[in-house]
Amino acid sequence: MNYDQARWTEGEEVYEPHLAEKRSTEVAVADSPLPDDLTRDELDLPDLSEPELARHYTRLSQMSYGVESGPIPLGSCTMKYNPTFTEDVAALPGAGTHPDRSEGTVQGSLELRYRLQEYLAAIGGMESVTLQPPAGAAGEFTGILVAKAYHEHHDEERSEIIVPESAHGTNFASAALAGYDVVELPSAEDGRVDVEALRAAVSEDTAALMLTNPNTLGLFERDIEEIAEVVHEAGGLLYYDGANLNALLGRARPGDMGFDVMHYNVHKTFATPHGGGGPGAGPVGVSEALAPFLPTPQVRATDSGYETFEPERTIGKVHGFAGNWLVLVKTYAYIARLGDAGLADASAKAVLNANYLASRIDYEIPFSPFHHEFVASAGRDAADVARRMLDYGVHPPTTKWPEAVDEALMTEPTEAETRDSLDHLARAFDRAAADSDADLEAAPERTAARRIDQASAARNPRLSWQALDE
C-alpha cells in the first residue's frame, strides 16, 4: 500500500505556472463608467502553452483527494459518489431558465419542481415540501422558523428547543439562531435517547425536540414512538435532521414515526455535490398542520398546468427564487433514475457496507447494532491514526466525535463502495492501528501537505497562490 500524492516541489520537472514569465496585455477601458481606481491599462498574464496549463491543473487534482480518488468514509457526512449523468441533465439547454421568466414559458421547470416536492414528501412521509433552503443548515433554520410560526399562530410562547448531546452542531446553532434556549439532552447507556431524561426536560416551554434517527452512533431510536408521544403531549413538535436518511430510504419514513418537520440533505442522500462551501440544497418537509407556514412560493398542479402560490400563513422567503435550482435538478434526476426499488437498494447496501467494514477491522466498536455508520475507538490519538491513514491512500473517517466514544473514528462507507474498496479501506485502518507512536506522530509523510495547523487554517484561510506569497 505505497501511496504518494503529487507535490509542488518534487524536482525540476515540476512546472509552476504562477512563476512563469509574464506578458503584458493591453486592456481597452475607453469610456469606462468605473472609477479610475477600479480599472487598469494592462494585464499581466503567465506566458503559457495549452499543454503547460493542462498539466498544471492535472497536477492540482493529483494534490488533492476526492471521491473519484477513493472512498471518503466521513461519518454522518454521507460522502457518496455523485453519478455524472446528473451533471449531464443539469447541463441540458432547457435546464438553465432565467428565474424571472413568466410561468407560462417555464412549465417544464415548474413541473419538475412540483414532482420533486411530491417525491420528497412521499420519501419522508410529509404532507408538503419547500425547495428553497440552499443548504442543510439553512433547512434546519427554515424548519425551526416554521415551527416557531406555528406556535405563535396558536398564541403559544415557547422558549426552548431540546437537542441530544450527540446531535450535529448545526442543530444547536439553528435553534439558537432562531431565538431559542437550547436544552441539551443526555444519552442513555445504550447510546440512544434517555426517555426518562426527556420526560424531565419537556415542559410548556418546549417548542421542539431535534432528533436524528438513526443517531450519530448509527443506532436506530427504538423508542421513537414513545419519544414522539412525550414531545407531543407537552405541546412540542418533533424535528427530524435528515443527515442519516441514507439509512432509511424505502424502508422507513420520519413522518410515520411521528416527526412533524424535517430537512433533506440532498447532497448526502441524493448524490448532489457535497463540500467546498456549496452550492447545496436543504428542502424542508412538514406535516399537514405546518404546511400553511412554508416559505413562498410553492408550486401546485392545476387543470391547465403548473403555477406558483403563496401558502396561507407563509414565513416568507428564505432564499431567492426556487432555491439552488440546478442542484435540485440533479436531485430529481437521481431519484427518478433509481425509483422506489433503487432507493431501497441504496439504503440496504449502505447498511451492509458499514457492517461489513466494521467486521473487517481490529478496533473496538462500543455501540451496536448500527445501521449505515459506526463509531470505532482508535485506542490512541484518533487524529494521528487518521493522518496515518492518509499515507495508505484512503481518506480517514471523522475523528474525535461523537464524544460518547473515546478517541472516536466515525465511519460511513456509503452504498457506493465495492467489496474490494472496503477491503482496501479496512487494510488502511489496521495498518494505522499497528504502526508505532513515532510513525503516527510523524504522519502524514506522503501527502502534498503535511501536519497542517487546522485551527489556524480555518481562521486564516489562504485560498490563492497570491495570498500564500504575501
Protein backbone atom coordinates (compact mmCIF):
# COMPACT_ATOMS: atom_id res chain seq x y z
CA MET A 1 0.00 0.00 0.00
CA ASN A 2 2.56 2.57 -1.09
CA TYR A 3 0.94 5.90 -1.78
CA ASP A 4 2.21 9.36 -2.66
CA GLN A 5 0.25 12.46 -3.57
CA ALA A 6 1.68 14.94 -6.05
CA ARG A 7 3.56 17.87 -4.51
CA TRP A 8 4.63 21.31 -5.63
CA THR A 9 8.34 20.58 -5.44
CA GLU A 10 9.46 17.09 -6.48
CA GLY A 11 12.22 18.07 -8.85
CA GLU A 12 12.94 20.50 -11.64
CA GLU A 13 10.44 18.82 -13.94
CA VAL A 14 7.56 20.26 -11.89
CA TYR A 15 6.18 23.34 -13.63
CA GLU A 16 4.62 26.13 -11.59
CA PRO A 17 2.66 28.48 -13.87
CA HIS A 18 2.42 31.28 -11.33
CA LEU A 19 6.23 31.58 -11.56
CA ALA A 20 6.20 31.72 -15.37
CA GLU A 21 7.48 34.68 -17.31
CA LYS A 22 4.56 37.02 -17.71
CA ARG A 23 3.48 39.01 -20.73
CA SER A 24 1.68 42.32 -20.56
CA THR A 25 -1.64 42.52 -22.38
CA GLU A 26 -3.24 45.87 -23.06
CA VAL A 27 -6.82 46.18 -21.93
CA ALA A 28 -9.31 48.50 -23.64
CA VAL A 29 -11.03 50.60 -20.99
CA ALA A 30 -12.13 53.61 -23.05
CA ASP A 31 -15.12 55.45 -21.68
CA SER A 32 -15.41 53.06 -18.75
CA PRO A 33 -18.09 54.06 -16.23
CA LEU A 34 -15.95 52.65 -13.43
CA PRO A 35 -13.79 54.90 -11.23
CA ASP A 36 -10.09 55.06 -12.08
CA ASP A 37 -9.01 53.02 -9.06
CA LEU A 38 -11.04 50.06 -10.36
CA THR A 39 -9.61 50.00 -13.88
CA ARG A 40 -6.18 49.19 -15.34
CA ASP A 41 -4.44 49.74 -18.66
CA GLU A 42 -2.63 46.41 -18.86
CA LEU A 43 -3.00 42.88 -17.54
CA ASP A 44 -0.10 40.63 -16.52
CA LEU A 45 -0.71 37.03 -17.61
CA PRO A 46 1.62 34.00 -17.48
CA ASP A 47 3.02 33.12 -20.91
CA LEU A 48 1.70 29.55 -21.14
CA SER A 49 1.08 26.92 -23.76
CA GLU A 50 -2.00 24.72 -23.61
CA PRO A 51 -0.07 21.58 -22.51
CA GLU A 52 1.54 23.54 -19.66
CA LEU A 53 -1.85 24.76 -18.49
CA ALA A 54 -3.43 21.30 -18.76
CA ARG A 55 -0.58 19.74 -16.78
CA HIS A 56 -0.85 22.41 -14.12
CA TYR A 57 -4.49 21.68 -13.41
CA THR A 58 -3.98 17.94 -13.63
CA ARG A 59 -1.23 18.27 -11.03
CA LEU A 60 -3.52 20.32 -8.78
CA SER A 61 -6.07 17.50 -8.94
CA GLN A 62 -3.35 14.98 -8.00
CA MET A 63 -2.50 17.03 -4.92
CA SER A 64 -5.99 16.55 -3.55
CA TYR A 65 -8.23 13.62 -2.65
CA GLY A 66 -11.81 13.37 -3.88
CA VAL A 67 -14.48 10.73 -4.11
CA GLU A 68 -13.15 9.93 -7.60
CA SER A 69 -9.83 9.03 -5.92
CA GLY A 70 -11.31 6.56 -3.45
CA PRO A 71 -13.78 6.21 -0.57
CA ILE A 72 -14.40 9.12 1.80
CA PRO A 73 -15.92 7.45 4.91
CA LEU A 74 -16.60 10.61 6.92
CA GLY A 75 -19.28 9.64 9.44
CA SER A 76 -22.67 11.36 9.11
CA CYS A 77 -21.43 13.25 6.07
CA THR A 78 -22.51 10.56 3.58
CA MET A 79 -19.81 11.41 1.03
CA LYS A 80 -21.19 9.16 -1.69
CA TYR A 81 -20.15 9.16 -5.32
CA ASN A 82 -22.06 11.64 -7.49
CA PRO A 83 -23.04 9.97 -10.80
CA THR A 84 -22.06 12.11 -13.75
CA PHE A 85 -25.37 11.63 -15.56
CA THR A 86 -26.94 14.14 -13.15
CA GLU A 87 -24.42 16.73 -14.34
CA ASP A 88 -25.46 15.97 -17.92
CA VAL A 89 -29.11 16.50 -17.03
CA ALA A 90 -28.38 19.82 -15.30
CA ALA A 91 -26.43 20.92 -18.39
CA LEU A 92 -29.35 20.37 -20.80
CA PRO A 93 -30.30 23.55 -22.71
CA GLY A 94 -33.73 23.75 -21.11
CA ALA A 95 -32.43 23.50 -17.54
CA GLY A 96 -30.84 26.94 -17.27
CA THR A 97 -34.03 29.01 -17.39
CA HIS A 98 -33.99 32.58 -16.10
CA PRO A 99 -35.92 32.80 -12.80
CA ASP A 100 -37.80 35.93 -13.91
CA ARG A 101 -39.42 34.28 -16.92
CA SER A 102 -43.22 34.10 -16.92
CA GLU A 103 -44.79 30.91 -15.62
CA GLY A 104 -46.34 30.12 -18.97
CA THR A 105 -42.89 29.83 -20.55
CA VAL A 106 -41.31 27.60 -17.87
CA GLN A 107 -43.97 24.93 -17.40
CA GLY A 108 -41.33 22.19 -17.63
CA SER A 109 -39.32 23.70 -14.79
CA LEU A 110 -42.44 24.15 -12.67
CA GLU A 111 -43.43 20.55 -13.33
CA LEU A 112 -40.01 19.34 -12.20
CA ARG A 113 -40.27 21.41 -9.01
CA TYR A 114 -43.76 20.05 -8.36
CA ARG A 115 -42.70 16.45 -8.97
CA LEU A 116 -39.63 16.84 -6.74
CA GLN A 117 -41.80 18.28 -3.96
CA GLU A 118 -44.05 15.23 -4.29
CA TYR A 119 -41.16 12.76 -4.44
CA LEU A 120 -39.53 14.15 -1.30
CA ALA A 121 -42.85 14.31 0.54
CA ALA A 122 -43.51 10.64 -0.26
CA ILE A 123 -39.97 9.61 0.76
CA GLY A 124 -40.21 11.43 4.09
CA GLY A 125 -43.86 10.77 4.88
CA MET A 126 -44.58 14.50 4.86
CA GLU A 127 -47.56 16.49 3.58
CA SER A 128 -45.72 19.33 1.83
CA VAL A 129 -42.14 20.28 0.92
CA THR A 130 -40.35 23.55 0.20
CA LEU A 131 -37.30 23.51 -2.08
CA GLN A 132 -35.97 26.95 -1.16
CA PRO A 133 -33.32 26.40 1.56
CA PRO A 134 -29.82 26.46 -0.01
CA ALA A 135 -28.14 24.02 2.40
CA GLY A 136 -28.81 21.51 5.16
CA ALA A 137 -28.17 24.04 7.93
CA ALA A 138 -30.44 26.53 6.13
CA GLY A 139 -33.04 23.78 6.03
CA GLU A 140 -32.74 23.32 9.79
CA PHE A 141 -33.17 27.04 10.34
CA THR A 142 -36.18 27.14 7.99
CA GLY A 143 -37.80 24.18 9.73
CA ILE A 144 -37.38 25.80 13.14
CA LEU A 145 -38.81 29.09 11.80
CA VAL A 146 -41.85 27.17 10.51
CA ALA A 147 -42.26 25.52 13.93
CA LYS A 148 -41.94 28.91 15.61
CA ALA A 149 -44.59 30.44 13.34
CA TYR A 150 -46.90 27.50 14.12
CA HIS A 151 -46.60 28.06 17.88
CA GLU A 152 -47.03 31.81 17.54
CA HIS A 153 -50.17 31.33 15.45
CA HIS A 154 -51.61 29.33 18.34
CA ASP A 155 -50.62 32.08 20.81
CA GLU A 156 -48.01 29.90 22.46
CA GLU A 157 -44.83 31.47 23.80
CA ARG A 158 -42.35 28.61 23.82
CA SER A 159 -38.71 29.41 24.52
CA GLU A 160 -36.81 26.10 24.48
CA ILE A 161 -35.65 23.50 21.99
CA ILE A 162 -34.29 20.17 23.21
CA VAL A 163 -31.24 18.79 21.40
CA PRO A 164 -29.48 15.47 22.21
CA GLU A 165 -25.83 15.81 23.26
CA SER A 166 -24.71 13.74 20.26
CA ALA A 167 -26.60 15.89 17.72
CA HIS A 168 -24.91 17.69 14.87
CA GLY A 169 -23.52 21.06 15.89
CA THR A 170 -25.78 22.83 13.41
CA ASN A 171 -28.80 21.69 15.46
CA PHE A 172 -27.64 23.72 18.44
CA ALA A 173 -26.76 26.67 16.21
CA SER A 174 -30.05 26.64 14.26
CA ALA A 175 -32.11 26.59 17.45
CA ALA A 176 -30.10 29.44 18.99
CA LEU A 177 -30.18 31.48 15.77
CA ALA A 178 -33.98 31.22 15.76
CA GLY A 179 -34.02 32.74 19.24
CA TYR A 180 -34.49 29.65 21.40
CA ASP A 181 -32.73 28.49 24.53
CA VAL A 182 -31.10 25.11 23.91
CA VAL A 183 -31.68 22.29 26.40
CA GLU A 184 -29.07 19.54 25.98
CA LEU A 185 -30.42 16.01 26.41
CA PRO A 186 -28.07 13.30 27.73
CA SER A 187 -27.90 9.87 26.14
CA ALA A 188 -28.77 6.61 27.86
CA GLU A 189 -26.10 3.95 28.42
CA ASP A 190 -27.03 2.28 25.14
CA GLY A 191 -26.26 5.47 23.19
CA ARG A 192 -29.90 6.27 22.44
CA VAL A 193 -32.23 8.94 23.81
CA ASP A 194 -32.76 8.66 27.57
CA VAL A 195 -36.57 8.71 27.60
CA GLU A 196 -36.79 9.45 31.31
CA ALA A 197 -34.40 12.38 30.90
CA LEU A 198 -36.62 13.57 28.05
CA ARG A 199 -39.71 13.39 30.26
CA ALA A 200 -37.91 15.56 32.80
CA ALA A 201 -36.78 18.04 30.14
CA VAL A 202 -40.08 18.73 28.36
CA SER A 203 -42.38 21.46 29.62
CA GLU A 204 -44.83 24.08 28.42
CA ASP A 205 -41.73 25.96 27.18
CA THR A 206 -40.72 23.15 24.78
CA ALA A 207 -41.07 24.20 21.16
CA ALA A 208 -39.43 21.11 19.61
CA LEU A 209 -37.06 18.20 20.00
CA MET A 210 -34.46 17.98 17.21
CA LEU A 211 -33.53 14.37 16.55
CA THR A 212 -31.52 12.30 14.07
CA ASN A 213 -32.67 8.72 13.51
CA PRO A 214 -30.56 6.63 13.22
CA ASN A 215 -28.48 8.79 15.51
CA THR A 216 -24.83 9.75 15.18
CA LEU A 217 -23.72 6.39 16.58
CA GLY A 218 -25.62 4.69 13.77
CA LEU A 219 -28.23 3.42 16.25
CA PHE A 220 -31.93 3.39 15.47
CA GLU A 221 -34.04 5.05 18.16
CA ARG A 222 -36.18 2.05 19.08
CA ASP A 223 -38.35 4.18 21.39
CA ILE A 224 -39.18 6.71 18.69
CA GLU A 225 -42.96 6.35 19.04
CA GLU A 226 -42.73 6.89 22.81
CA ILE A 227 -40.37 9.84 22.25
CA ALA A 228 -42.88 11.39 19.84
CA GLU A 229 -45.69 10.88 22.34
CA VAL A 230 -43.74 12.57 25.14
CA VAL A 231 -42.95 15.61 22.99
CA HIS A 232 -46.45 15.92 21.56
CA GLU A 233 -48.12 15.57 24.96
CA ALA A 234 -46.09 18.59 26.07
CA GLY A 235 -47.35 20.52 23.02
CA GLY A 236 -43.99 20.45 21.28
CA LEU A 237 -43.05 19.40 17.76
CA LEU A 238 -40.65 16.67 16.65
CA TYR A 239 -37.95 17.77 14.20
CA TYR A 240 -36.06 15.27 12.03
CA ASP A 241 -32.49 16.03 11.00
CA GLY A 242 -32.19 14.34 7.61
CA ALA A 243 -28.44 13.73 7.85
CA ASN A 244 -28.89 9.97 8.19
CA LEU A 245 -31.84 9.46 5.86
CA ASN A 246 -29.49 7.39 3.67
CA ALA A 247 -30.04 4.53 6.13
CA LEU A 248 -33.83 4.56 5.79
CA LEU A 249 -34.62 5.13 2.10
CA GLY A 250 -37.53 2.98 1.00
CA ARG A 251 -37.74 1.27 4.40
CA ALA A 252 -38.96 3.76 6.99
CA ARG A 253 -40.30 7.33 6.88
CA PRO A 254 -39.85 10.04 9.52
CA GLY A 255 -43.47 11.13 9.12
CA ASP A 256 -44.65 7.65 10.07
CA MET A 257 -42.51 7.80 13.22
CA GLY A 258 -44.28 10.95 14.42
CA PHE A 259 -41.96 13.67 13.09
CA ASP A 260 -43.69 16.96 12.23
CA VAL A 261 -40.93 18.67 10.26
CA MET A 262 -37.70 17.53 8.62
CA HIS A 263 -34.98 18.69 6.26
CA TYR A 264 -33.43 16.66 3.48
CA ASN A 265 -29.68 16.81 2.88
CA VAL A 266 -29.91 16.19 -0.85
CA HIS A 267 -26.10 16.32 -1.08
CA LYS A 268 -25.93 13.39 1.34
CA THR A 269 -28.94 11.32 0.38
CA PHE A 270 -29.49 12.01 -3.30
CA ALA A 271 -25.93 12.44 -4.61
CA THR A 272 -25.77 16.11 -5.49
CA PRO A 273 -22.35 17.77 -4.98
CA HIS A 274 -21.09 17.83 -1.41
CA GLY A 275 -18.47 20.07 0.15
CA GLY A 276 -16.45 23.08 -0.83
CA GLY A 277 -18.97 25.57 0.51
CA GLY A 278 -21.75 24.90 -1.98
CA PRO A 279 -23.91 25.16 -3.84
CA GLY A 280 -26.18 22.94 -1.79
CA ALA A 281 -29.86 22.43 -1.12
CA GLY A 282 -31.81 21.54 2.01
CA PRO A 283 -35.53 21.09 1.22
CA VAL A 284 -37.88 21.01 4.20
CA GLY A 285 -40.92 18.77 4.60
CA VAL A 286 -43.76 19.34 7.06
CA SER A 287 -46.93 17.71 8.31
CA GLU A 288 -50.37 18.94 7.24
CA ALA A 289 -50.68 21.25 10.27
CA LEU A 290 -47.45 23.07 9.39
CA ALA A 291 -47.94 23.30 5.60
CA PRO A 292 -49.58 26.77 5.70
CA PHE A 293 -46.38 28.23 7.19
CA LEU A 294 -43.93 27.08 4.49
CA PRO A 295 -41.85 29.65 2.59
CA THR A 296 -43.26 31.20 -0.56
CA PRO A 297 -43.60 30.39 -3.39
CA GLN A 298 -44.80 26.80 -3.61
CA VAL A 299 -45.77 25.02 -6.82
CA ARG A 300 -49.10 23.28 -7.42
CA ALA A 301 -50.76 21.47 -10.31
CA THR A 302 -53.84 22.96 -11.98
CA ASP A 303 -56.14 21.80 -14.78
CA SER A 304 -54.12 23.90 -17.23
CA GLY A 305 -50.60 23.18 -15.98
CA TYR A 306 -48.49 24.33 -13.02
CA GLU A 307 -48.42 27.57 -11.05
CA THR A 308 -46.78 29.08 -8.00
CA PHE A 309 -48.75 30.18 -4.95
CA GLU A 310 -48.21 31.66 -1.51
CA PRO A 311 -49.06 29.46 1.48
CA GLU A 312 -51.72 30.98 3.69
CA ARG A 313 -49.50 31.84 6.68
CA THR A 314 -46.10 31.73 5.00
CA ILE A 315 -42.95 32.74 6.85
CA GLY A 316 -41.88 34.50 3.63
CA LYS A 317 -38.78 33.75 1.59
CA VAL A 318 -35.63 32.13 2.93
CA HIS A 319 -33.77 32.17 -0.40
CA GLY A 320 -34.15 33.72 -3.82
CA PHE A 321 -36.49 32.28 -6.42
CA ALA A 322 -36.60 28.45 -6.45
CA GLY A 323 -33.53 27.87 -4.31
CA ASN A 324 -30.38 26.42 -5.87
CA TRP A 325 -32.21 25.29 -8.97
CA LEU A 326 -29.63 23.17 -10.79
CA VAL A 327 -28.80 21.26 -7.58
CA LEU A 328 -32.49 20.42 -7.35
CA VAL A 329 -32.46 19.25 -10.98
CA LYS A 330 -29.71 16.78 -10.06
CA THR A 331 -31.71 15.63 -7.04
CA TYR A 332 -34.73 14.96 -9.23
CA ALA A 333 -32.64 13.10 -11.79
CA TYR A 334 -31.10 10.85 -9.14
CA ILE A 335 -34.45 9.96 -7.56
CA ALA A 336 -36.16 9.42 -10.93
CA ARG A 337 -33.33 7.20 -12.19
CA LEU A 338 -33.28 4.94 -9.10
CA GLY A 339 -37.01 4.78 -8.39
CA ASP A 340 -38.52 3.04 -5.38
CA ALA A 341 -36.53 -0.17 -5.76
CA GLY A 342 -33.24 1.63 -6.38
CA LEU A 343 -33.58 3.89 -3.34
CA ALA A 344 -34.41 0.90 -1.14
CA ASP A 345 -31.41 -0.95 -2.56
CA ALA A 346 -29.17 2.05 -1.78
CA SER A 347 -30.16 2.02 1.89
CA ALA A 348 -29.71 -1.76 2.10
CA LYS A 349 -26.21 -1.56 0.67
CA ALA A 350 -25.30 1.41 2.89
CA VAL A 351 -26.14 -0.67 5.97
CA LEU A 352 -24.46 -3.79 4.57
CA ASN A 353 -21.26 -1.92 3.71
CA ALA A 354 -20.98 -0.35 7.17
CA ASN A 355 -21.43 -3.70 8.89
CA TYR A 356 -19.02 -5.47 6.52
CA LEU A 357 -16.31 -2.86 7.04
CA ALA A 358 -16.75 -2.98 10.80
CA SER A 359 -16.33 -6.77 10.73
CA ARG A 360 -13.03 -6.41 8.87
CA ILE A 361 -11.19 -4.02 11.20
CA ASP A 362 -9.48 -4.70 14.51
CA TYR A 363 -10.99 -1.84 16.53
CA GLU A 364 -13.37 -1.65 19.46
CA ILE A 365 -16.89 -0.58 18.41
CA PRO A 366 -18.76 0.06 21.67
CA PHE A 367 -22.29 0.62 20.34
CA SER A 368 -24.34 -1.77 18.20
CA PRO A 369 -26.34 -2.90 16.31
CA PHE A 370 -25.66 0.00 13.99
CA HIS A 371 -27.01 0.80 10.57
CA HIS A 372 -25.25 2.86 7.87
CA GLU A 373 -22.38 4.12 10.06
CA PHE A 374 -20.44 3.08 13.15
CA VAL A 375 -18.12 4.70 15.65
CA ALA A 376 -14.92 2.85 16.48
CA SER A 377 -12.43 3.74 19.20
CA ALA A 378 -8.90 4.36 17.93
CA GLY A 379 -7.42 3.30 21.26
CA ARG A 380 -4.88 6.14 20.90
CA ASP A 381 -4.98 9.64 19.42
CA ALA A 382 -7.69 9.41 16.74
CA ALA A 383 -6.33 12.38 14.81
CA ASP A 384 -2.91 10.73 14.49
CA VAL A 385 -4.49 7.48 13.31
CA ALA A 386 -6.48 9.44 10.74
CA ARG A 387 -3.36 11.24 9.49
CA ARG A 388 -1.55 7.92 9.13
CA MET A 389 -4.42 6.52 7.05
CA LEU A 390 -3.72 9.27 4.51
CA ASP A 391 -0.31 7.69 3.92
CA TYR A 392 -2.07 4.47 2.95
CA GLY A 393 -4.07 6.14 0.20
CA VAL A 394 -7.50 6.50 1.80
CA HIS A 395 -9.45 9.34 3.28
CA PRO A 396 -9.88 8.86 7.05
CA PRO A 397 -13.22 8.91 8.87
CA THR A 398 -14.50 11.69 11.12
CA THR A 399 -12.40 11.95 14.30
CA LYS A 400 -12.99 12.80 17.96
CA TRP A 401 -16.80 12.82 17.66
CA PRO A 402 -19.27 11.85 19.00
CA GLU A 403 -17.78 12.15 22.45
CA ALA A 404 -19.65 9.08 23.72
CA VAL A 405 -16.77 7.02 22.25
CA ASP A 406 -13.22 7.65 23.42
CA GLU A 407 -10.96 8.78 20.53
CA ALA A 408 -13.80 8.25 18.09
CA LEU A 409 -13.45 7.28 14.45
CA MET A 410 -16.92 7.84 13.00
CA THR A 411 -17.18 5.86 9.78
CA GLU A 412 -19.76 5.78 6.97
CA PRO A 413 -18.64 3.96 3.81
CA THR A 414 -21.94 4.62 1.91
CA GLU A 415 -23.60 2.28 -0.57
CA ALA A 416 -21.33 3.35 -3.43
CA GLU A 417 -18.26 1.31 -2.44
CA THR A 418 -17.42 -2.19 -3.70
CA ARG A 419 -16.17 -5.05 -1.55
CA ASP A 420 -12.64 -4.53 -2.90
CA SER A 421 -12.81 -0.87 -1.95
CA LEU A 422 -13.98 -1.73 1.56
CA ASP A 423 -11.19 -4.31 1.94
CA HIS A 424 -8.66 -1.65 0.90
CA LEU A 425 -10.12 0.72 3.48
CA ALA A 426 -10.01 -1.98 6.15
CA ARG A 427 -6.32 -2.65 5.48
CA ALA A 428 -5.58 1.05 5.94
CA PHE A 429 -7.46 1.04 9.26
CA ASP A 430 -5.48 -1.94 10.54
CA ARG A 431 -2.07 -0.81 9.27
CA ALA A 432 -2.55 2.54 11.01
CA ALA A 433 -3.55 0.74 14.20
CA ALA A 434 -0.42 -1.42 14.06
CA ASP A 435 2.01 1.44 13.47
CA SER A 436 4.23 2.79 16.24
CA ASP A 437 3.52 6.02 18.10
CA ALA A 438 6.52 7.57 16.36
CA ASP A 439 5.09 6.72 12.92
CA LEU A 440 1.70 8.16 13.85
CA GLU A 441 3.20 11.34 15.27
CA ALA A 442 5.15 11.92 12.03
CA ALA A 443 2.20 11.24 9.74
CA PRO A 444 1.24 12.06 7.11
CA GLU A 445 4.52 11.71 5.21
CA ARG A 446 3.32 11.03 1.66
CA THR A 447 0.76 13.76 1.12
CA ALA A 448 1.00 17.13 -0.62
CA ALA A 449 0.53 18.88 2.74
CA ARG A 450 1.97 17.58 6.00
CA ARG A 451 0.68 18.17 9.55
CA ILE A 452 -1.26 21.35 8.95
CA ASP A 453 -2.45 23.56 11.77
CA GLN A 454 -6.18 23.03 11.24
CA ALA A 455 -7.30 25.74 13.64
CA SER A 456 -5.12 28.39 12.01
CA ALA A 457 -6.10 27.20 8.53
CA ALA A 458 -9.78 27.63 9.41
CA ARG A 459 -9.29 31.07 10.93
CA ASN A 460 -6.86 32.41 8.31
CA PRO A 461 -7.52 30.63 5.02
CA ARG A 462 -5.13 31.22 2.12
CA LEU A 463 -7.20 30.43 -0.94
CA SER A 464 -4.83 31.51 -3.69
CA TRP A 465 -1.13 31.41 -4.51
CA GLN A 466 -1.07 35.22 -4.26
CA ALA A 467 -2.18 35.02 -0.62
CA LEU A 468 0.43 32.36 0.07
CA ASP A 469 3.18 34.52 -1.44
CA GLU A 470 2.05 37.51 0.58
